[in-house]
């Protein structure tokens, strides 16, 4: 159920949130010409519904972005097809320039991602240990007084 808010053009919901809404009867200044002329209040407007973001929507956006990036990489490789000599720790080869640059970028990313992943795993293990320790302390503090021997004189 919605109530009329003290601010014209806004509808207050039961939980106190305000949803803005305008219709053709309300002017930009916030006055309601229909209410002033007839002296009767118009029924309150329903709040606008907002669609929340979902995982599938995020997946769709990520896959679309990934397709655009792949297209740009393909164009980059095709435009830089000149063959270059590559030597690495005694290994020699001839590869297209675009492929060599892309390979260097991927290896650079892996040099960041692998240690980062190790650190995330380390932090998750530490957090799990702390949660278990906290749960044990909470369970011990919630034991009934009759379960443990009474301490101190009565």
N, C-alpha and C. Protein backbone atom coordinates (compact mmCIF):
# COMPACT_ATOMS: atom_id res chain seq x y z
N UNK A 1 0.83 -1.17 0.00
CA UNK A 1 0.00 0.00 0.00
C UNK A 1 0.88 1.23 0.00
N UNK A 2 0.58 2.23 -0.80
CA UNK A 2 1.38 3.44 -0.89
C UNK A 2 0.58 4.62 -0.36
N UNK A 3 1.28 5.61 0.21
CA UNK A 3 0.64 6.79 0.73
C UNK A 3 1.18 8.00 -0.03
N UNK A 4 0.44 9.09 0.01
CA UNK A 4 0.89 10.31 -0.63
C UNK A 4 1.98 10.92 0.23
N UNK A 5 3.09 11.26 -0.37
CA UNK A 5 4.20 11.86 0.34
C UNK A 5 3.97 13.36 0.48
N UNK A 6 4.60 14.01 1.48
CA UNK A 6 4.49 15.45 1.58
C UNK A 6 5.13 16.17 0.40
N UNK A 7 6.01 15.50 -0.33
CA UNK A 7 6.65 16.09 -1.50
C UNK A 7 5.82 15.75 -2.72
N UNK A 8 5.31 16.74 -3.46
CA UNK A 8 4.51 16.43 -4.65
C UNK A 8 5.33 15.68 -5.67
N UNK A 9 4.72 14.70 -6.33
CA UNK A 9 5.41 13.93 -7.34
C UNK A 9 6.10 12.70 -6.80
N UNK A 10 6.04 12.45 -5.49
CA UNK A 10 6.67 11.29 -4.88
C UNK A 10 5.61 10.46 -4.18
N UNK A 11 5.78 9.17 -4.22
CA UNK A 11 4.89 8.25 -3.52
C UNK A 11 5.71 7.53 -2.47
N UNK A 12 5.24 7.53 -1.24
CA UNK A 12 5.96 6.85 -0.16
C UNK A 12 5.41 5.45 -0.01
N UNK A 13 6.31 4.45 -0.05
CA UNK A 13 5.91 3.07 0.13
C UNK A 13 5.81 2.77 1.62
N UNK A 14 5.30 1.57 1.97
CA UNK A 14 5.14 1.19 3.37
C UNK A 14 6.46 1.20 4.11
N UNK A 15 7.56 0.86 3.44
CA UNK A 15 8.85 0.78 4.13
C UNK A 15 9.55 2.13 4.20
N UNK A 16 8.90 3.21 3.79
CA UNK A 16 9.47 4.53 3.94
C UNK A 16 10.25 5.00 2.74
N UNK A 17 10.47 4.17 1.75
CA UNK A 17 11.20 4.57 0.56
C UNK A 17 10.29 5.39 -0.32
N UNK A 18 10.90 6.29 -1.07
CA UNK A 18 10.11 7.11 -1.96
C UNK A 18 10.37 6.70 -3.40
N UNK A 19 9.32 6.64 -4.17
CA UNK A 19 9.43 6.36 -5.59
C UNK A 19 8.88 7.57 -6.31
N UNK A 20 9.68 8.14 -7.21
CA UNK A 20 9.23 9.33 -7.90
C UNK A 20 8.36 8.93 -9.07
N UNK A 21 7.42 9.76 -9.37
CA UNK A 21 6.55 9.49 -10.50
C UNK A 21 5.88 10.77 -10.92
N UNK A 22 5.74 10.97 -12.21
CA UNK A 22 5.04 12.13 -12.72
C UNK A 22 4.03 11.66 -13.73
N UNK A 23 2.95 12.40 -13.83
CA UNK A 23 1.99 12.11 -14.88
C UNK A 23 1.61 13.41 -15.54
N UNK A 24 0.72 13.35 -16.50
CA UNK A 24 0.38 14.54 -17.26
C UNK A 24 -0.36 15.56 -16.41
N UNK A 25 -0.95 15.17 -15.29
CA UNK A 25 -1.68 16.09 -14.43
C UNK A 25 -0.78 16.90 -13.53
N UNK A 26 0.49 16.50 -13.40
CA UNK A 26 1.40 17.23 -12.52
C UNK A 26 2.30 18.10 -13.37
N UNK A 27 2.53 19.31 -12.89
CA UNK A 27 3.38 20.23 -13.61
C UNK A 27 4.80 20.09 -13.10
N UNK A 28 5.76 20.69 -13.83
CA UNK A 28 7.17 20.58 -13.48
C UNK A 28 7.45 21.26 -12.14
N UNK A 29 6.66 22.25 -11.74
CA UNK A 29 6.92 22.96 -10.48
C UNK A 29 6.51 22.14 -9.27
N UNK A 30 5.80 21.02 -9.48
CA UNK A 30 5.42 20.17 -8.37
C UNK A 30 4.01 20.41 -7.89
N UNK A 31 3.24 21.31 -8.53
CA UNK A 31 1.87 21.54 -8.12
C UNK A 31 0.95 20.68 -8.93
N UNK A 32 -0.14 20.25 -8.35
CA UNK A 32 -1.11 19.40 -9.02
C UNK A 32 -2.32 20.26 -9.36
N UNK A 33 -2.48 20.60 -10.64
CA UNK A 33 -3.56 21.50 -11.04
C UNK A 33 -4.93 20.84 -10.86
N UNK A 34 -5.02 19.51 -11.03
CA UNK A 34 -6.28 18.81 -10.86
C UNK A 34 -6.75 18.85 -9.42
N UNK A 35 -5.85 18.76 -8.48
CA UNK A 35 -6.21 18.77 -7.07
C UNK A 35 -6.66 20.16 -6.65
N UNK A 36 -6.01 21.21 -7.17
CA UNK A 36 -6.37 22.56 -6.80
C UNK A 36 -7.74 22.94 -7.37
N UNK A 37 -8.04 22.53 -8.60
CA UNK A 37 -9.28 22.93 -9.26
C UNK A 37 -10.49 22.23 -8.64
N UNK A 38 -10.41 20.92 -8.43
CA UNK A 38 -11.58 20.20 -7.97
C UNK A 38 -11.64 20.05 -6.46
N UNK A 39 -10.52 20.18 -5.78
CA UNK A 39 -10.50 20.04 -4.34
C UNK A 39 -10.44 18.59 -3.88
N UNK A 40 -10.36 17.62 -4.79
CA UNK A 40 -10.27 16.21 -4.43
C UNK A 40 -8.88 15.69 -4.76
N UNK A 41 -8.41 14.78 -3.96
CA UNK A 41 -7.08 14.20 -4.17
C UNK A 41 -7.15 13.09 -5.20
N UNK A 42 -6.16 13.05 -6.06
CA UNK A 42 -6.08 11.97 -7.04
C UNK A 42 -5.52 10.73 -6.35
N UNK A 43 -5.83 9.54 -6.87
CA UNK A 43 -5.26 8.33 -6.25
C UNK A 43 -3.74 8.33 -6.40
N UNK A 44 -3.05 7.80 -5.40
CA UNK A 44 -1.58 7.78 -5.46
C UNK A 44 -1.09 6.90 -6.60
N UNK A 45 0.06 7.28 -7.15
CA UNK A 45 0.65 6.51 -8.23
C UNK A 45 1.41 5.32 -7.66
N UNK A 46 1.46 4.26 -8.45
CA UNK A 46 2.22 3.09 -8.04
C UNK A 46 3.71 3.36 -8.25
N UNK A 47 4.58 2.81 -7.38
CA UNK A 47 6.02 3.03 -7.55
C UNK A 47 6.53 2.34 -8.81
N UNK A 48 7.58 2.89 -9.37
CA UNK A 48 8.20 2.31 -10.55
C UNK A 48 8.98 1.07 -10.15
N UNK A 49 8.87 0.02 -10.93
CA UNK A 49 9.61 -1.21 -10.66
C UNK A 49 10.97 -1.14 -11.33
N UNK A 50 11.99 -1.55 -10.60
CA UNK A 50 13.35 -1.55 -11.11
C UNK A 50 13.80 -3.00 -11.19
N UNK A 51 14.30 -3.40 -12.34
CA UNK A 51 14.79 -4.77 -12.52
C UNK A 51 16.20 -4.84 -11.96
N UNK A 52 16.42 -5.78 -11.04
CA UNK A 52 17.74 -5.94 -10.44
C UNK A 52 18.66 -6.69 -11.40
N UNK A 53 19.95 -6.46 -11.23
CA UNK A 53 20.94 -7.16 -12.06
C UNK A 53 21.00 -8.62 -11.63
N UNK A 54 21.19 -9.50 -12.61
CA UNK A 54 21.26 -10.92 -12.33
C UNK A 54 22.60 -11.48 -12.80
N UNK A 55 22.89 -12.69 -12.38
CA UNK A 55 24.12 -13.34 -12.82
C UNK A 55 24.10 -13.61 -14.31
N UNK A 56 22.94 -14.00 -14.83
CA UNK A 56 22.84 -14.27 -16.27
C UNK A 56 23.04 -13.00 -17.08
N UNK A 57 22.53 -11.88 -16.57
CA UNK A 57 22.76 -10.60 -17.25
C UNK A 57 24.22 -10.24 -17.25
N UNK A 58 24.89 -10.47 -16.13
CA UNK A 58 26.33 -10.22 -16.05
C UNK A 58 27.12 -11.14 -16.97
N UNK A 59 26.68 -12.40 -17.05
CA UNK A 59 27.33 -13.35 -17.95
C UNK A 59 27.16 -12.93 -19.40
N UNK A 60 25.96 -12.45 -19.74
CA UNK A 60 25.70 -12.00 -21.11
C UNK A 60 26.59 -10.81 -21.44
N UNK A 61 26.71 -9.86 -20.53
CA UNK A 61 27.54 -8.69 -20.75
C UNK A 61 29.01 -9.09 -20.86
N UNK A 62 29.46 -10.01 -20.01
CA UNK A 62 30.85 -10.45 -20.06
C UNK A 62 31.16 -11.18 -21.36
N UNK A 63 30.24 -12.03 -21.82
CA UNK A 63 30.50 -12.76 -23.06
C UNK A 63 30.49 -11.82 -24.26
N UNK A 64 29.63 -10.83 -24.25
CA UNK A 64 29.64 -9.84 -25.33
C UNK A 64 30.93 -9.04 -25.34
N UNK A 65 31.40 -8.63 -24.17
CA UNK A 65 32.66 -7.90 -24.08
C UNK A 65 33.82 -8.77 -24.52
N UNK A 66 33.79 -10.04 -24.13
CA UNK A 66 34.85 -10.97 -24.52
C UNK A 66 34.89 -11.14 -26.04
N UNK A 67 33.74 -11.19 -26.68
CA UNK A 67 33.69 -11.33 -28.14
C UNK A 67 34.29 -10.10 -28.82
N UNK A 68 34.02 -8.92 -28.28
CA UNK A 68 34.59 -7.69 -28.86
C UNK A 68 36.10 -7.68 -28.70
N UNK A 69 36.60 -8.09 -27.53
CA UNK A 69 38.05 -8.13 -27.30
C UNK A 69 38.70 -9.14 -28.24
N UNK A 70 38.07 -10.31 -28.42
CA UNK A 70 38.63 -11.31 -29.35
C UNK A 70 38.67 -10.77 -30.77
N UNK A 71 37.65 -10.05 -31.18
CA UNK A 71 37.64 -9.47 -32.51
C UNK A 71 38.78 -8.47 -32.68
N UNK A 72 38.98 -7.63 -31.66
CA UNK A 72 40.08 -6.67 -31.72
C UNK A 72 41.44 -7.36 -31.76
N UNK A 73 41.59 -8.45 -31.02
CA UNK A 73 42.86 -9.21 -31.05
C UNK A 73 43.08 -9.85 -32.41
N UNK A 74 42.03 -10.37 -33.01
CA UNK A 74 42.15 -10.97 -34.34
C UNK A 74 42.58 -9.93 -35.36
N UNK A 75 41.99 -8.75 -35.30
CA UNK A 75 42.39 -7.66 -36.21
C UNK A 75 43.84 -7.28 -35.97
N UNK A 76 44.26 -7.22 -34.70
CA UNK A 76 45.64 -6.88 -34.37
C UNK A 76 46.61 -7.90 -34.95
N UNK A 77 46.29 -9.18 -34.80
CA UNK A 77 47.18 -10.23 -35.31
C UNK A 77 47.25 -10.19 -36.84
N UNK A 78 46.11 -10.01 -37.48
CA UNK A 78 46.09 -9.99 -38.94
C UNK A 78 46.83 -8.78 -39.52
N UNK A 79 46.78 -7.65 -38.84
CA UNK A 79 47.48 -6.45 -39.33
C UNK A 79 48.98 -6.50 -39.05
N UNK A 80 49.40 -7.30 -38.10
CA UNK A 80 50.82 -7.41 -37.75
C UNK A 80 51.32 -8.80 -38.09
N UNK A 81 51.21 -9.14 -39.37
CA UNK A 81 51.59 -10.50 -39.78
C UNK A 81 53.04 -10.61 -40.25
N UNK A 82 53.82 -9.56 -40.17
CA UNK A 82 55.23 -9.61 -40.55
C UNK A 82 55.96 -10.58 -39.62
N UNK A 83 56.77 -11.44 -40.18
CA UNK A 83 57.47 -12.45 -39.39
C UNK A 83 58.69 -11.84 -38.70
N UNK A 84 58.86 -12.18 -37.42
CA UNK A 84 60.00 -11.69 -36.65
C UNK A 84 60.71 -12.87 -36.02
N UNK A 85 62.01 -12.67 -35.72
CA UNK A 85 62.80 -13.70 -35.04
C UNK A 85 62.63 -13.54 -33.54
N UNK A 86 62.37 -14.66 -32.85
CA UNK A 86 62.21 -14.65 -31.40
C UNK A 86 63.20 -15.64 -30.82
N UNK A 87 63.95 -15.19 -29.80
CA UNK A 87 64.89 -16.06 -29.10
C UNK A 87 64.59 -15.96 -27.61
N UNK A 88 64.48 -17.14 -26.97
CA UNK A 88 64.18 -17.16 -25.55
C UNK A 88 64.86 -18.37 -24.93
N UNK A 89 65.82 -18.15 -24.05
CA UNK A 89 66.56 -19.20 -23.36
C UNK A 89 67.07 -20.25 -24.35
N UNK A 90 67.68 -19.82 -25.41
CA UNK A 90 68.27 -20.74 -26.37
C UNK A 90 67.31 -21.25 -27.42
N UNK A 91 66.02 -21.00 -27.28
CA UNK A 91 65.05 -21.41 -28.29
C UNK A 91 64.89 -20.28 -29.29
N UNK A 92 64.98 -20.63 -30.57
CA UNK A 92 64.86 -19.63 -31.63
C UNK A 92 63.69 -20.01 -32.52
N UNK A 93 62.99 -18.99 -33.01
CA UNK A 93 61.88 -19.27 -33.91
C UNK A 93 61.45 -18.04 -34.67
N UNK A 94 60.64 -18.28 -35.68
CA UNK A 94 60.06 -17.20 -36.48
C UNK A 94 58.55 -17.25 -36.28
N UNK A 95 58.00 -16.14 -35.78
CA UNK A 95 56.56 -16.05 -35.57
C UNK A 95 56.08 -14.68 -36.07
N UNK A 96 54.82 -14.57 -36.41
CA UNK A 96 54.29 -13.26 -36.78
C UNK A 96 54.38 -12.28 -35.60
N UNK A 97 54.57 -11.01 -35.92
CA UNK A 97 54.74 -9.99 -34.89
C UNK A 97 53.53 -9.92 -33.96
N UNK A 98 52.33 -10.00 -34.49
CA UNK A 98 51.12 -9.94 -33.68
C UNK A 98 51.06 -11.08 -32.69
N UNK A 99 51.42 -12.28 -33.14
CA UNK A 99 51.41 -13.44 -32.26
C UNK A 99 52.45 -13.28 -31.16
N UNK A 100 53.64 -12.78 -31.51
CA UNK A 100 54.70 -12.59 -30.51
C UNK A 100 54.27 -11.58 -29.45
N UNK A 101 53.66 -10.48 -29.86
CA UNK A 101 53.22 -9.47 -28.90
C UNK A 101 52.08 -10.00 -28.03
N UNK A 102 51.15 -10.74 -28.64
CA UNK A 102 50.05 -11.32 -27.89
C UNK A 102 50.56 -12.34 -26.87
N UNK A 103 51.52 -13.16 -27.27
CA UNK A 103 52.11 -14.15 -26.37
C UNK A 103 52.81 -13.45 -25.20
N UNK A 104 53.53 -12.36 -25.49
CA UNK A 104 54.20 -11.61 -24.43
C UNK A 104 53.18 -11.02 -23.45
N UNK A 105 52.05 -10.52 -23.96
CA UNK A 105 51.02 -9.95 -23.09
C UNK A 105 50.39 -11.03 -22.21
N UNK A 106 50.11 -12.20 -22.79
CA UNK A 106 49.52 -13.29 -22.03
C UNK A 106 50.47 -13.77 -20.94
N UNK A 107 51.75 -13.90 -21.26
CA UNK A 107 52.71 -14.32 -20.24
C UNK A 107 52.85 -13.26 -19.13
N UNK A 108 52.76 -11.99 -19.48
CA UNK A 108 52.79 -10.93 -18.47
C UNK A 108 51.58 -11.01 -17.55
N UNK A 109 50.41 -11.28 -18.12
CA UNK A 109 49.20 -11.42 -17.31
C UNK A 109 49.33 -12.60 -16.36
N UNK A 110 49.86 -13.73 -16.86
CA UNK A 110 50.03 -14.91 -16.01
C UNK A 110 50.99 -14.66 -14.87
N UNK A 111 52.00 -13.81 -15.10
CA UNK A 111 52.95 -13.48 -14.03
C UNK A 111 52.27 -12.72 -12.89
N UNK A 112 51.15 -12.09 -13.17
CA UNK A 112 50.40 -11.38 -12.13
C UNK A 112 49.32 -12.29 -11.53
N UNK A 113 48.64 -13.06 -12.38
CA UNK A 113 47.50 -13.86 -11.94
C UNK A 113 47.92 -15.02 -11.04
N UNK A 114 49.00 -15.68 -11.34
CA UNK A 114 49.40 -16.86 -10.56
C UNK A 114 49.75 -16.49 -9.12
N UNK A 115 50.61 -15.49 -8.87
CA UNK A 115 50.84 -15.12 -7.46
C UNK A 115 49.58 -14.55 -6.79
N UNK A 116 48.76 -13.83 -7.55
CA UNK A 116 47.51 -13.30 -6.99
C UNK A 116 46.58 -14.41 -6.56
N UNK A 117 46.48 -15.46 -7.36
CA UNK A 117 45.64 -16.61 -7.01
C UNK A 117 46.16 -17.29 -5.75
N UNK A 118 47.47 -17.43 -5.66
CA UNK A 118 48.05 -18.05 -4.47
C UNK A 118 47.73 -17.22 -3.23
N UNK A 119 47.77 -15.92 -3.34
CA UNK A 119 47.47 -15.06 -2.19
C UNK A 119 46.00 -15.15 -1.81
N UNK A 120 45.10 -15.21 -2.79
CA UNK A 120 43.67 -15.34 -2.50
C UNK A 120 43.39 -16.65 -1.78
N UNK A 121 44.01 -17.73 -2.24
CA UNK A 121 43.82 -19.03 -1.58
C UNK A 121 44.34 -18.97 -0.15
N UNK A 122 45.49 -18.33 0.05
CA UNK A 122 46.06 -18.20 1.39
C UNK A 122 45.11 -17.43 2.31
N UNK A 123 44.53 -16.33 1.82
CA UNK A 123 43.62 -15.53 2.64
C UNK A 123 42.34 -16.30 2.95
N UNK A 124 41.82 -17.08 1.99
CA UNK A 124 40.61 -17.87 2.23
C UNK A 124 40.86 -18.93 3.30
N UNK A 125 42.02 -19.59 3.26
CA UNK A 125 42.33 -20.58 4.27
C UNK A 125 42.44 -19.95 5.66
N UNK A 126 43.06 -18.78 5.73
CA UNK A 126 43.17 -18.07 7.01
C UNK A 126 41.79 -17.66 7.51
N UNK A 127 40.93 -17.18 6.62
CA UNK A 127 39.58 -16.79 7.02
C UNK A 127 38.78 -17.99 7.50
N UNK A 128 38.96 -19.14 6.85
CA UNK A 128 38.25 -20.36 7.27
C UNK A 128 38.70 -20.78 8.67
N UNK A 129 40.02 -20.69 8.93
CA UNK A 129 40.52 -21.03 10.26
C UNK A 129 39.93 -20.10 11.33
N UNK A 130 39.86 -18.82 11.02
CA UNK A 130 39.31 -17.85 11.98
C UNK A 130 37.82 -18.09 12.21
N UNK A 131 37.06 -18.42 11.14
CA UNK A 131 35.64 -18.71 11.31
C UNK A 131 35.43 -19.92 12.20
N UNK A 132 36.22 -20.97 12.00
CA UNK A 132 36.10 -22.17 12.83
C UNK A 132 36.44 -21.87 14.28
N UNK A 133 37.49 -21.08 14.50
CA UNK A 133 37.87 -20.73 15.88
C UNK A 133 36.78 -19.89 16.53
N UNK A 134 36.21 -18.93 15.79
CA UNK A 134 35.13 -18.10 16.34
C UNK A 134 33.90 -18.94 16.64
N UNK A 135 33.57 -19.90 15.76
CA UNK A 135 32.41 -20.76 15.99
C UNK A 135 32.62 -21.61 17.23
N UNK A 136 33.84 -22.09 17.45
CA UNK A 136 34.15 -22.88 18.64
C UNK A 136 34.01 -22.06 19.91
N UNK A 137 34.50 -20.82 19.88
CA UNK A 137 34.37 -19.95 21.05
C UNK A 137 32.91 -19.60 21.32
N UNK A 138 32.13 -19.38 20.26
CA UNK A 138 30.71 -19.06 20.42
C UNK A 138 29.95 -20.24 21.00
N UNK A 139 30.25 -21.44 20.54
CA UNK A 139 29.59 -22.64 21.06
C UNK A 139 29.95 -22.85 22.52
N UNK A 140 31.19 -22.59 22.88
CA UNK A 140 31.62 -22.75 24.27
C UNK A 140 30.95 -21.72 25.17
N UNK A 141 30.74 -20.52 24.67
CA UNK A 141 30.13 -19.49 25.51
C UNK A 141 28.62 -19.67 25.63
N UNK A 142 28.01 -20.43 24.73
CA UNK A 142 26.57 -20.62 24.77
C UNK A 142 26.16 -21.89 25.50
N UNK A 143 27.10 -22.60 26.08
CA UNK A 143 26.75 -23.80 26.84
C UNK A 143 25.95 -23.39 28.06
N UNK A 144 25.01 -24.26 28.46
CA UNK A 144 24.18 -23.96 29.62
C UNK A 144 25.02 -24.00 30.88
N UNK A 145 24.66 -23.20 31.89
CA UNK A 145 25.44 -23.15 33.13
C UNK A 145 25.46 -24.49 33.86
N UNK A 146 24.46 -25.33 33.66
CA UNK A 146 24.42 -26.63 34.35
C UNK A 146 25.40 -27.62 33.75
N UNK A 147 25.90 -27.37 32.56
CA UNK A 147 26.82 -28.30 31.90
C UNK A 147 28.23 -28.23 32.46
N UNK A 148 28.60 -27.07 32.99
CA UNK A 148 29.95 -26.92 33.51
C UNK A 148 29.91 -26.83 35.02
N UNK A 149 30.99 -27.25 35.69
CA UNK A 149 30.99 -27.16 37.15
C UNK A 149 30.98 -25.69 37.58
N UNK A 150 30.28 -25.41 38.65
CA UNK A 150 30.18 -24.05 39.17
C UNK A 150 31.49 -23.61 39.75
N UNK A 151 31.88 -22.37 39.48
CA UNK A 151 33.12 -21.85 40.00
C UNK A 151 32.82 -20.83 41.09
N UNK A 152 33.64 -20.80 42.08
CA UNK A 152 33.50 -19.79 43.13
C UNK A 152 32.59 -20.24 44.25
N UNK A 153 32.68 -19.59 45.43
CA UNK A 153 31.85 -19.94 46.59
C UNK A 153 30.41 -19.46 46.40
N UNK A 154 29.50 -20.17 47.10
CA UNK A 154 28.09 -19.78 47.03
C UNK A 154 27.68 -19.19 48.31
